[in-house]
């Protein structure tokens, strides 16, 4: 099941990937994956100061109580927040 996962954060707002959400079991796993995708992108584009900021991100979701809830949503984008803790 493919969903667009997008970061909602002061520095990285809009970074997104289309991801098969069924290969993950939690928002922690999904957040870890999208964070690594972001870091790879930043490194490939020589944005090294932003890599340091990205490494500190703690991505989480505010809209769903359980990970399985994203399977049933009609939302076209699943947001992972990095700007609050």
Protein backbone atom coordinates (compact mmCIF):
# COMPACT_ATOMS: atom_id res chain seq x y z
CA UNK A 1 0.00 0.00 0.00
CA UNK A 2 1.70 3.15 -1.22
CA UNK A 3 1.32 6.45 0.63
CA UNK A 4 3.06 9.78 0.33
CA UNK A 5 4.98 10.43 3.54
CA UNK A 6 5.96 14.06 4.06
CA UNK A 7 8.02 15.80 6.72
CA UNK A 8 6.40 18.70 8.52
CA UNK A 9 9.29 20.65 9.98
CA UNK A 10 10.75 24.16 9.97
CA UNK A 11 13.76 23.15 7.87
CA UNK A 12 12.53 20.13 5.92
CA UNK A 13 8.88 20.93 5.19
CA UNK A 14 7.83 19.32 1.95
CA UNK A 15 10.45 16.58 1.76
CA UNK A 16 8.48 13.48 0.81
CA UNK A 17 8.67 10.01 -0.59
CA UNK A 18 6.10 7.53 -1.84
CA UNK A 19 6.53 4.55 0.46
CA UNK A 20 4.99 1.11 0.84
CA UNK A 21 3.73 1.54 4.39
CA UNK A 22 3.11 -2.19 4.85
CA UNK A 23 6.83 -2.91 5.25
CA UNK A 24 6.85 -1.01 8.56
CA UNK A 25 5.18 -1.81 11.86
CA UNK A 26 5.27 1.56 13.60
CA UNK A 27 5.63 5.28 13.15
CA UNK A 28 9.09 4.97 14.69
CA UNK A 29 10.19 2.62 11.91
CA UNK A 30 8.58 4.79 9.24
CA UNK A 31 10.15 7.92 10.73
CA UNK A 32 13.57 6.29 10.84
CA UNK A 33 13.26 5.35 7.17
CA UNK A 34 12.14 8.78 5.93
CA UNK A 35 14.79 10.47 8.07
CA UNK A 36 17.47 8.30 6.45
CA UNK A 37 16.07 9.10 3.01
CA UNK A 38 16.34 12.81 3.88
CA UNK A 39 19.94 12.45 5.08
CA UNK A 40 20.92 10.59 1.91
CA UNK A 41 19.32 13.34 -0.19
CA UNK A 42 21.10 16.08 1.76
CA UNK A 43 24.47 14.31 1.50
CA UNK A 44 24.04 13.73 -2.23
CA UNK A 45 23.41 17.44 -2.69
CA UNK A 46 26.28 18.49 -0.42
CA UNK A 47 23.99 20.18 2.11
CA UNK A 48 26.18 19.16 5.00
CA UNK A 49 25.00 21.75 7.54
CA UNK A 50 21.46 20.50 7.04
CA UNK A 51 22.62 16.90 7.53
CA UNK A 52 23.59 17.80 11.09
CA UNK A 53 20.13 19.24 11.72
CA UNK A 54 18.41 16.25 10.08
CA UNK A 55 20.33 13.78 12.25
CA UNK A 56 18.67 15.34 15.32
CA UNK A 57 15.12 14.98 13.97
CA UNK A 58 12.68 12.95 16.02
CA UNK A 59 9.82 12.37 13.62
CA UNK A 60 6.40 11.48 14.94
CA UNK A 61 2.74 11.62 13.93
CA UNK A 62 -0.07 13.59 15.55
CA UNK A 63 -3.02 12.40 13.46
CA UNK A 64 -3.21 8.68 14.20
CA UNK A 65 -3.32 6.76 17.46
CA UNK A 66 -2.13 3.46 16.00
CA UNK A 67 0.10 2.78 13.04
CA UNK A 68 -2.53 0.52 11.47
CA UNK A 69 -4.91 3.50 11.24
CA UNK A 70 -2.99 4.83 8.23
CA UNK A 71 -4.13 1.82 6.21
CA UNK A 72 -7.74 3.01 6.39
CA UNK A 73 -7.32 6.74 5.89
CA UNK A 74 -8.28 8.60 2.75
CA UNK A 75 -5.56 11.17 3.47
CA UNK A 76 -3.36 11.58 0.40
CA UNK A 77 -0.35 12.65 2.50
CA UNK A 78 0.79 11.29 5.85
CA UNK A 79 2.72 13.95 7.74
CA UNK A 80 5.54 13.20 10.14
CA UNK A 81 6.29 16.13 12.40
CA UNK A 82 9.82 17.02 13.39
CA UNK A 83 9.31 20.48 14.84
CA UNK A 84 7.93 19.63 18.25
CA UNK A 85 8.72 17.14 20.96
